[in-house]
C-alpha atoms as a PDB file:
ATOM      1  CA  MET A   1       7.631 -12.629   7.163  1.00  0.00           C
ATOM      2  CA  GLY A   2       7.496  -9.134   8.646  1.00  0.00           C
ATOM      3  CA  GLN A   3      10.285  -9.859  11.125  1.00  0.00           C
ATOM      4  CA  ASN A   4      12.969 -10.561   8.489  1.00  0.00           C
ATOM      5  CA  LEU A   5      15.001  -7.352   8.479  1.00  0.00           C
ATOM      6  CA  ALA A   6      18.303  -8.574   7.083  1.00  0.00           C
ATOM      7  CA  GLY A   7      17.976  -6.058   4.265  1.00  0.00           C
ATOM      8  CA  VAL A   8      17.798  -3.114   6.672  1.00  0.00           C
ATOM      9  CA  THR A   9      21.201  -1.491   7.122  1.00  0.00           C
ATOM     10  CA  ASP A  10      20.239   1.785   8.741  1.00  0.00           C
ATOM     11  CA  ASP A  11      19.480   2.019  12.462  1.00  0.00           C
ATOM     12  CA  LEU A  12      16.752   4.661  12.059  1.00  0.00           C
ATOM     13  CA  LEU A  13      15.005   2.688   9.342  1.00  0.00           C
ATOM     14  CA  ARG A  14      15.279  -0.482  11.431  1.00  0.00           C
ATOM     15  CA  ARG A  15      13.680   1.261  14.413  1.00  0.00           C
ATOM     16  CA  LEU A  16      10.868   2.727  12.301  1.00  0.00           C
ATOM     17  CA  VAL A  17      10.134  -0.658  10.758  1.00  0.00           C
ATOM     18  CA  LEU A  18      10.078  -2.369  14.154  1.00  0.00           C
ATOM     19  CA  ASP A  19       7.783   0.339  15.544  1.00  0.00           C
ATOM     20  CA  ALA A  20       5.425  -0.243  12.609  1.00  0.00           C
ATOM     21  CA  GLN A  21       5.428  -3.995  13.193  1.00  0.00           C
ATOM     22  CA  MET A  22       4.619  -3.558  16.882  1.00  0.00           C
ATOM     23  CA  ASP A  23       1.672  -1.305  16.067  1.00  0.00           C
ATOM     24  CA  LEU A  24       0.540  -3.793  13.420  1.00  0.00           C
ATOM     25  CA  GLN A  25       0.263  -6.535  16.025  1.00  0.00           C
ATOM     26  CA  ARG A  26      -2.040  -4.318  18.085  1.00  0.00           C
ATOM     27  CA  ARG A  27      -4.295  -3.581  15.100  1.00  0.00           C
ATOM     28  CA  ARG A  28      -4.357  -7.184  13.941  1.00  0.00           C
ATOM     29  CA  PHE A  29      -5.662  -8.213  17.359  1.00  0.00           C
ATOM     30  CA  LEU A  30      -8.446  -5.601  17.224  1.00  0.00           C
ATOM     31  CA  LEU A  31      -9.825  -6.502  13.779  1.00  0.00           C
ATOM     32  CA  GLY A  32     -10.608 -10.092  12.836  1.00  0.00           C
ATOM     33  CA  SER A  33      -9.839 -11.466   9.377  1.00  0.00           C
ATOM     34  CA  ASP A  34     -13.521 -11.793   8.456  1.00  0.00           C
ATOM     35  CA  GLN A  35     -14.181  -8.133   9.267  1.00  0.00           C
ATOM     36  CA  LEU A  36     -11.070  -7.148   7.356  1.00  0.00           C
ATOM     37  CA  GLU A  37     -12.124  -9.017   4.217  1.00  0.00           C
ATOM     38  CA  LEU A  38     -15.585  -7.453   4.344  1.00  0.00           C
ATOM     39  CA  ALA A  39     -14.032  -4.002   4.481  1.00  0.00           C
ATOM     40  CA  VAL A  40     -11.670  -4.884   1.595  1.00  0.00           C
ATOM     41  CA  ALA A  41     -14.615  -5.966  -0.558  1.00  0.00           C
ATOM     42  CA  ALA A  42     -16.596  -2.847   0.336  1.00  0.00           C
ATOM     43  CA  TYR A  43     -14.025  -0.434  -1.140  1.00  0.00           C
ATOM     44  CA  THR A  44     -13.389  -0.023  -4.865  1.00  0.00           C
ATOM     45  CA  PRO A  45      -9.844   1.319  -5.350  1.00  0.00           C
ATOM     46  CA  LYS A  46      -9.142   4.353  -7.511  1.00  0.00           C
ATOM     47  CA  ASN A  47      -6.497   4.458 -10.242  1.00  0.00           C
ATOM     48  CA  PHE A  48      -3.405   5.773  -8.444  1.00  0.00           C
ATOM     49  CA  ILE A  49      -1.009   5.043 -11.300  1.00  0.00           C
ATOM     50  CA  GLY A  50      -3.279   6.619 -13.908  1.00  0.00           C
ATOM     51  CA  ALA A  51      -3.615   9.761 -11.788  1.00  0.00           C
ATOM     52  CA  LEU A  52       0.160  10.298 -11.982  1.00  0.00           C
ATOM     53  CA  ARG A  53       0.272  10.170 -15.772  1.00  0.00           C
ATOM     54  CA  LYS A  54      -0.500  13.812 -16.550  1.00  0.00           C
ATOM     55  CA  PRO A  55       0.737  16.299 -19.189  1.00  0.00           C
ATOM     56  CA  ASN A  56       2.229  18.416 -16.427  1.00  0.00           C
ATOM     57  CA  LEU A  57       4.100  17.332 -13.308  1.00  0.00           C
ATOM     58  CA  ALA A  58       1.746  15.451 -10.995  1.00  0.00           C
ATOM     59  CA  VAL A  59       1.848  16.390  -7.314  1.00  0.00           C
ATOM     60  CA  ILE A  60       1.335  13.780  -4.600  1.00  0.00           C
ATOM     61  CA  ALA A  61       0.466  15.984  -1.642  1.00  0.00           C
ATOM     62  CA  GLU A  62       1.480  14.489   1.689  1.00  0.00           C
ATOM     63  CA  MET A  63       0.018  15.002   5.132  1.00  0.00           C
ATOM     64  CA  LYS A  64       1.896  14.183   8.332  1.00  0.00           C
ATOM     65  CA  GLN A  65       1.681  15.534  11.859  1.00  0.00           C
ATOM     66  CA  ARG A  66       5.405  15.273  12.614  1.00  0.00           C
ATOM     67  CA  THR A  67       8.653  13.624  11.467  1.00  0.00           C
ATOM     68  CA  PRO A  68      11.636  12.114  13.323  1.00  0.00           C
ATOM     69  CA  SER A  69      14.008  14.688  11.830  1.00  0.00           C
ATOM     70  CA  MET A  70      11.888  17.882  11.850  1.00  0.00           C
ATOM     71  CA  GLY A  71       9.643  17.338  14.850  1.00  0.00           C
ATOM     72  CA  VAL A  72       6.078  18.652  14.946  1.00  0.00           C
ATOM     73  CA  LEU A  73       4.820  20.109  11.664  1.00  0.00           C
ATOM     74  CA  SER A  74       1.234  20.757  12.753  1.00  0.00           C
ATOM     75  CA  GLU A  75      -0.126  21.447  16.226  1.00  0.00           C
ATOM     76  CA  ASP A  76      -3.682  21.254  14.851  1.00  0.00           C
ATOM     77  CA  TYR A  77      -3.549  18.267  12.506  1.00  0.00           C
ATOM     78  CA  ARG A  78      -6.771  17.788  10.544  1.00  0.00           C
ATOM     79  CA  PRO A  79      -6.530  15.213   7.742  1.00  0.00           C
ATOM     80  CA  ALA A  80      -9.961  15.998   6.283  1.00  0.00           C
ATOM     81  CA  ASP A  81      -9.233  19.735   6.026  1.00  0.00           C
ATOM     82  CA  LEU A  82      -5.862  19.045   4.444  1.00  0.00           C
ATOM     83  CA  ALA A  83      -7.445  16.654   1.943  1.00  0.00           C
ATOM     84  CA  HIS A  84      -9.890  19.396   0.907  1.00  0.00           C
ATOM     85  CA  ALA A  85      -7.084  21.928   0.502  1.00  0.00           C
ATOM     86  CA  TYR A  86      -4.912  19.510  -1.466  1.00  0.00           C
ATOM     87  CA  ALA A  87      -7.773  18.658  -3.816  1.00  0.00           C
ATOM     88  CA  ASP A  88      -8.558  22.363  -4.298  1.00  0.00           C
ATOM     89  CA  GLY A  89      -4.928  22.951  -5.265  1.00  0.00           C
ATOM     90  CA  GLY A  90      -5.056  20.332  -8.000  1.00  0.00           C
ATOM     91  CA  ALA A  91      -3.088  17.528  -6.363  1.00  0.00           C
ATOM     92  CA  ALA A  92      -3.069  14.333  -8.430  1.00  0.00           C
ATOM     93  CA  ALA A  93      -3.081  12.144  -5.312  1.00  0.00           C
ATOM     94  CA  ILE A  94      -2.731  12.376  -1.548  1.00  0.00           C
ATOM     95  CA  SER A  95      -0.186  10.650   0.693  1.00  0.00           C
ATOM     96  CA  VAL A  96      -1.217   9.944   4.284  1.00  0.00           C
ATOM     97  CA  LEU A  97       1.342   8.972   6.937  1.00  0.00           C
ATOM     98  CA  THR A  98      -0.001   6.214   9.175  1.00  0.00           C
ATOM     99  CA  HIS A  99       3.152   5.449  11.182  1.00  0.00           C
ATOM    100  CA  MET A 100       2.318   6.315  14.782  1.00  0.00           C
ATOM    101  CA  ALA A 101       5.644   6.369  16.649  1.00  0.00           C
ATOM    102  CA  GLY A 102       7.628   8.411  14.149  1.00  0.00           C
ATOM    103  CA  PHE A 103       4.992  10.521  12.395  1.00  0.00           C
ATOM    104  CA  GLY A 104       1.928  10.691  14.650  1.00  0.00           C
ATOM    105  CA  GLY A 105      -0.114   8.807  12.074  1.00  0.00           C
ATOM    106  CA  ARG A 106      -2.923   6.266  12.313  1.00  0.00           C
ATOM    107  CA  VAL A 107      -4.826   4.254   9.732  1.00  0.00           C
ATOM    108  CA  GLU A 108      -7.889   6.249  10.799  1.00  0.00           C
ATOM    109  CA  HIS A 109      -6.315   9.277   9.126  1.00  0.00           C
ATOM    110  CA  ILE A 110      -6.808   7.542   5.772  1.00  0.00           C
ATOM    111  CA  ARG A 111     -10.486   7.121   6.519  1.00  0.00           C
ATOM    112  CA  MET A 112     -10.740  10.825   7.408  1.00  0.00           C
ATOM    113  CA  ALA A 113      -9.016  11.854   4.180  1.00  0.00           C
ATOM    114  CA  ARG A 114     -11.084   9.401   2.126  1.00  0.00           C
ATOM    115  CA  ALA A 115     -14.311  10.875   3.464  1.00  0.00           C
ATOM    116  CA  ALA A 116     -13.162  14.323   2.316  1.00  0.00           C
ATOM    117  CA  THR A 117     -11.863  13.603  -1.208  1.00  0.00           C
ATOM    118  CA  GLN A 118     -12.196  11.383  -4.257  1.00  0.00           C
ATOM    119  CA  LEU A 119      -8.481  11.627  -5.078  1.00  0.00           C
ATOM    120  CA  PRO A 120      -6.378   8.446  -4.960  1.00  0.00           C
ATOM    121  CA  ILE A 121      -4.698   7.973  -1.584  1.00  0.00           C
ATOM    122  CA  LEU A 122      -1.257   6.528  -0.902  1.00  0.00           C
ATOM    123  CA  ARG A 123      -0.720   4.912   2.463  1.00  0.00           C
ATOM    124  CA  LYS A 124       2.735   6.000   3.617  1.00  0.00           C
ATOM    125  CA  ASP A 125       4.156   3.623   6.205  1.00  0.00           C
ATOM    126  CA  PHE A 126       6.848   0.994   6.696  1.00  0.00           C
ATOM    127  CA  VAL A 127       4.899  -1.903   5.225  1.00  0.00           C
ATOM    128  CA  THR A 128       6.399  -5.391   5.589  1.00  0.00           C
ATOM    129  CA  ASP A 129       3.383  -7.656   6.102  1.00  0.00           C
ATOM    130  CA  PRO A 130       0.619  -8.912   3.750  1.00  0.00           C
ATOM    131  CA  TYR A 131      -1.981  -7.906   6.352  1.00  0.00           C
ATOM    132  CA  GLU A 132      -1.088  -4.256   5.802  1.00  0.00           C
ATOM    133  CA  ILE A 133      -1.849  -4.516   2.090  1.00  0.00           C
ATOM    134  CA  ALA A 134      -5.392  -5.696   2.789  1.00  0.00           C
ATOM    135  CA  GLU A 135      -5.738  -3.238   5.660  1.00  0.00           C
ATOM    136  CA  SER A 136      -4.775  -0.359   3.374  1.00  0.00           C
ATOM    137  CA  ARG A 137      -7.533  -1.086   0.881  1.00  0.00           C
ATOM    138  CA  ALA A 138      -9.980  -1.743   3.707  1.00  0.00           C
ATOM    139  CA  CYS A 139      -9.523   1.780   5.089  1.00  0.00           C
ATOM    140  CA  GLY A 140      -9.743   3.498   1.692  1.00  0.00           C
ATOM    141  CA  ALA A 141      -6.186   3.622   0.348  1.00  0.00           C
ATOM    142  CA  ASP A 142      -5.435   3.011  -3.321  1.00  0.00           C
ATOM    143  CA  ALA A 143      -1.677   2.462  -3.020  1.00  0.00           C
ATOM    144  CA  VAL A 144       0.943   1.569  -0.421  1.00  0.00           C
ATOM    145  CA  LEU A 145       4.573   2.513   0.032  1.00  0.00           C
ATOM    146  CA  LEU A 146       7.099  -0.337  -0.183  1.00  0.00           C
ATOM    147  CA  ILE A 147      10.660   0.609   0.813  1.00  0.00           C
ATOM    148  CA  VAL A 148      13.308  -1.539  -0.883  1.00  0.00           C
ATOM    149  CA  ALA A 149      15.789  -1.012   1.976  1.00  0.00           C
ATOM    150  CA  ALA A 150      13.285  -2.452   4.463  1.00  0.00           C
ATOM    151  CA  LEU A 151      12.510  -5.634   2.535  1.00  0.00           C
ATOM    152  CA  GLU A 152      14.250  -8.765   1.326  1.00  0.00           C
ATOM    153  CA  ARG A 153      14.229  -9.027  -2.478  1.00  0.00           C
ATOM    154  CA  ALA A 154      11.838 -11.998  -2.534  1.00  0.00           C
ATOM    155  CA  GLN A 155       9.625 -10.254   0.011  1.00  0.00           C
ATOM    156  CA  LEU A 156       9.502  -7.116  -2.159  1.00  0.00           C
ATOM    157  CA  LYS A 157       8.452  -9.109  -5.206  1.00  0.00           C
ATOM    158  CA  ASP A 158       5.775 -10.951  -3.218  1.00  0.00           C
ATOM    159  CA  LEU A 159       4.327  -7.738  -1.765  1.00  0.00           C
ATOM    160  CA  ILE A 160       4.231  -6.034  -5.162  1.00  0.00           C
ATOM    161  CA  ALA A 161       2.350  -9.040  -6.554  1.00  0.00           C
ATOM    162  CA  LEU A 162      -0.003  -8.971  -3.567  1.00  0.00           C
ATOM    163  CA  THR A 163      -0.866  -5.297  -4.067  1.00  0.00           C
ATOM    164  CA  ARG A 164      -1.908  -6.117  -7.628  1.00  0.00           C
ATOM    165  CA  SER A 165      -4.028  -9.063  -6.524  1.00  0.00           C
ATOM    166  CA  ARG A 166      -5.677  -6.786  -3.959  1.00  0.00           C
ATOM    167  CA  GLY A 167      -6.416  -4.227  -6.667  1.00  0.00           C
ATOM    168  CA  ILE A 168      -4.170  -1.458  -5.369  1.00  0.00           C
ATOM    169  CA  ALA A 169      -0.819  -0.004  -6.458  1.00  0.00           C
ATOM    170  CA  ALA A 170       2.641   0.058  -4.882  1.00  0.00           C
ATOM    171  CA  LEU A 171       4.990   3.034  -4.790  1.00  0.00           C
ATOM    172  CA  VAL A 172       8.377   1.332  -4.496  1.00  0.00           C
ATOM    173  CA  GLU A 173      10.904   3.625  -2.809  1.00  0.00           C
ATOM    174  CA  VAL A 174      14.630   3.550  -3.597  1.00  0.00           C
ATOM    175  CA  HIS A 175      17.701   5.465  -2.424  1.00  0.00           C
ATOM    176  CA  ASP A 176      20.502   4.289  -4.730  1.00  0.00           C
ATOM    177  CA  GLN A 177      21.401   2.383  -7.892  1.00  0.00           C
ATOM    178  CA  ALA A 178      21.251  -1.115  -6.378  1.00  0.00           C
ATOM    179  CA  GLU A 179      17.796  -0.491  -4.893  1.00  0.00           C
ATOM    180  CA  THR A 180      16.542   0.971  -8.175  1.00  0.00           C
ATOM    181  CA  GLU A 181      17.697  -2.109 -10.071  1.00  0.00           C
ATOM    182  CA  ALA A 182      16.016  -4.316  -7.444  1.00  0.00           C
ATOM    183  CA  ALA A 183      12.738  -2.371  -7.791  1.00  0.00           C
ATOM    184  CA  VAL A 184      12.756  -2.750 -11.568  1.00  0.00           C
ATOM    185  CA  GLU A 185      13.584  -6.452 -11.313  1.00  0.00           C
ATOM    186  CA  ALA A 186      10.736  -6.976  -8.833  1.00  0.00           C
ATOM    187  CA  GLY A 187       8.253  -5.534 -11.320  1.00  0.00           C
ATOM    188  CA  ALA A 188       7.574  -2.123  -9.807  1.00  0.00           C
ATOM    189  CA  GLN A 189       5.175   0.005 -11.873  1.00  0.00           C
ATOM    190  CA  VAL A 190       5.824   3.143  -9.808  1.00  0.00           C
ATOM    191  CA  ILE A 191       9.275   3.933  -8.427  1.00  0.00           C
ATOM    192  CA  GLY A 192       9.909   6.735  -5.940  1.00  0.00           C
ATOM    193  CA  ILE A 193      13.426   8.128  -5.635  1.00  0.00           C
ATOM    194  CA  ASN A 194      13.904   9.455  -2.109  1.00  0.00           C
ATOM    195  CA  HIS A 195      16.460  12.260  -1.995  1.00  0.00           C
ATOM    196  CA  ARG A 196      16.833  12.108   1.791  1.00  0.00           C
ATOM    197  CA  ASP A 197      19.678  10.105   3.324  1.00  0.00           C
ATOM    198  CA  LEU A 198      18.216   8.381   6.394  1.00  0.00           C
ATOM    199  CA  LYS A 199      21.617   8.295   8.084  1.00  0.00           C
ATOM    200  CA  THR A 200      22.491  11.988   7.766  1.00  0.00           C
ATOM    201  CA  PHE A 201      19.083  13.500   6.820  1.00  0.00           C
ATOM    202  CA  SER A 202      20.895  15.401   4.054  1.00  0.00           C
ATOM    203  CA  VAL A 203      18.982  15.921   0.798  1.00  0.00           C
ATOM    204  CA  ASP A 204      20.420  15.422  -2.687  1.00  0.00           C
ATOM    205  CA  LEU A 205      18.048  16.469  -5.487  1.00  0.00           C
ATOM    206  CA  GLY A 206      20.631  15.232  -7.987  1.00  0.00           C
ATOM    207  CA  LEU A 207      19.715  11.648  -7.122  1.00  0.00           C
ATOM    208  CA  THR A 208      16.728  11.658  -9.483  1.00  0.00           C
ATOM    209  CA  GLU A 209      18.925  13.007 -12.272  1.00  0.00           C
ATOM    210  CA  ARG A 210      21.479  10.227 -11.739  1.00  0.00           C
ATOM    211  CA  LEU A 211      19.043   7.325 -11.321  1.00  0.00           C
ATOM    212  CA  ARG A 212      16.507   8.261 -14.011  1.00  0.00           C
ATOM    213  CA  LYS A 213      18.324   6.270 -16.702  1.00  0.00           C
ATOM    214  CA  LEU A 214      17.839   3.071 -14.702  1.00  0.00           C
ATOM    215  CA  VAL A 215      14.033   3.369 -14.669  1.00  0.00           C
ATOM    216  CA  PRO A 216      12.166   2.133 -17.778  1.00  0.00           C
ATOM    217  CA  LYS A 217      10.060   4.775 -19.522  1.00  0.00           C
ATOM    218  CA  GLU A 218       6.845   2.835 -18.935  1.00  0.00           C
ATOM    219  CA  VAL A 219       7.427   2.941 -15.152  1.00  0.00           C
ATOM    220  CA  VAL A 220       6.061   6.035 -13.400  1.00  0.00           C
ATOM    221  CA  LEU A 221       8.885   7.922 -11.687  1.00  0.00           C
ATOM    222  CA  VAL A 222       8.211   9.919  -8.515  1.00  0.00           C
ATOM    223  CA  ALA A 223      10.786  12.319  -7.044  1.00  0.00           C
ATOM    224  CA  GLU A 224      10.533  12.503  -3.243  1.00  0.00           C
ATOM    225  CA  SER A 225      11.858  14.739  -0.444  1.00  0.00           C
ATOM    226  CA  GLY A 226      13.456  18.174  -0.450  1.00  0.00           C
ATOM    227  CA  ILE A 227      11.163  19.699  -3.070  1.00  0.00           C
ATOM    228  CA  HIS A 228      10.061  23.122  -1.845  1.00  0.00           C
ATOM    229  CA  THR A 229       9.888  25.568  -4.754  1.00  0.00           C
ATOM    230  CA  ALA A 230       8.678  25.788  -8.345  1.00  0.00           C
ATOM    231  CA  ALA A 231      12.352  25.757  -9.362  1.00  0.00           C
ATOM    232  CA  ASP A 232      12.860  22.448  -7.516  1.00  0.00           C
ATOM    233  CA  ALA A 233       9.763  21.016  -9.208  1.00  0.00           C
ATOM    234  CA  ARG A 234      10.930  22.203 -12.638  1.00  0.00           C
ATOM    235  CA  ARG A 235      14.298  20.582 -12.055  1.00  0.00           C
ATOM    236  CA  MET A 236      12.599  17.271 -11.289  1.00  0.00           C
ATOM    237  CA  ARG A 237      10.439  17.563 -14.399  1.00  0.00           C
ATOM    238  CA  GLU A 238      13.501  18.247 -16.543  1.00  0.00           C
ATOM    239  CA  ALA A 239      15.214  15.241 -14.961  1.00  0.00           C
ATOM    240  CA  GLY A 240      12.380  13.051 -16.233  1.00  0.00           C
ATOM    241  CA  ALA A 241      10.140  12.706 -13.166  1.00  0.00           C
ATOM    242  CA  ASP A 242       6.436  12.118 -13.821  1.00  0.00           C
ATOM    243  CA  ALA A 243       5.433  13.203 -10.337  1.00  0.00           C
ATOM    244  CA  ILE A 244       6.761  14.695  -7.132  1.00  0.00           C
ATOM    245  CA  LEU A 245       5.843  13.826  -3.559  1.00  0.00           C
ATOM    246  CA  VAL A 246       5.770  16.908  -1.336  1.00  0.00           C
ATOM    247  CA  GLY A 247       5.059  16.959   2.386  1.00  0.00           C
ATOM    248  CA  GLU A 248       7.027  19.360   4.558  1.00  0.00           C
ATOM    249  CA  ALA A 249       6.567  22.343   2.228  1.00  0.00           C
ATOM    250  CA  LEU A 250       2.783  21.845   2.210  1.00  0.00           C
ATOM    251  CA  MET A 251       2.501  21.225   5.942  1.00  0.00           C
ATOM    252  CA  ARG A 252       4.348  24.498   6.605  1.00  0.00           C
ATOM    253  CA  ALA A 253       2.548  26.499   3.903  1.00  0.00           C
ATOM    254  CA  GLY A 254      -0.034  29.103   4.886  1.00  0.00           C
ATOM    255  CA  ASP A 255      -1.942  28.254   1.695  1.00  0.00           C
ATOM    256  CA  PRO A 256      -1.180  24.653   0.666  1.00  0.00           C
ATOM    257  CA  ALA A 257      -3.545  24.790  -2.321  1.00  0.00           C
ATOM    258  CA  ALA A 258      -1.626  27.729  -3.794  1.00  0.00           C
ATOM    259  CA  GLN A 259       1.660  25.937  -3.089  1.00  0.00           C
ATOM    260  CA  ILE A 260       0.488  22.882  -5.040  1.00  0.00           C
ATOM    261  CA  ARG A 261      -0.494  25.044  -7.995  1.00  0.00           C
ATOM    262  CA  GLU A 262       3.013  26.534  -8.036  1.00  0.00           C
ATOM    263  CA  LEU A 263       4.632  23.099  -8.003  1.00  0.00           C
ATOM    264  CA  ALA A 264       2.538  21.530 -10.791  1.00  0.00           C
ATOM    265  CA  VAL A 265       4.854  22.819 -13.551  1.00  0.00           C
END
């Protein structure tokens, strides 16, 4: 199932997905299915979707050691310390990158963050396999990222259904009108509009404004990428976003807690 990449049109995305699948095979070999199911049963997921339904703009605060486009963001990457700072700043949830090749992430970083906070945690990775859904809950995540461009339509629907059966949420990421319509059709309860073009790395904050009308009101809308200032956050709120996902600005901030407070307009 994870090897079907016919829906991937972008070379960078294809490479990132394949890197994730290679690392998955390594992890699957190290942890047997019985151990995995015990760890799944041992963790009670938190309400990720409920945490994003706030009177003000909810902030999903992201941690990542590096990115393919910006390089190293933190020479001294400490997930537990970041989780503390994000919680102190009033973040509604935390996003943890676990993609190793592109972002320097590991699933262990979720465990580190989970030990430091009670906030809901989103596992940010290029998820294509049912194993990763179970694995996410097993290591303390309450939601996973599903990227429409990386999945076949039937596969997307199946993975969304699987997250629900596993008791966790799915943030379904889109980049254009066709992907947004596919996410809605697949039953997404949380849709993330990514402003970054993976081909050019350019950012278009107007994307949320243009796609908002396609997302039903009962679906939580998250604006992602390129949000750095209170003015950016306010623009997203006025466009109808329920939440924003912010990573680079927080990783570069001298005081990430204060930055979060500025963004929660």
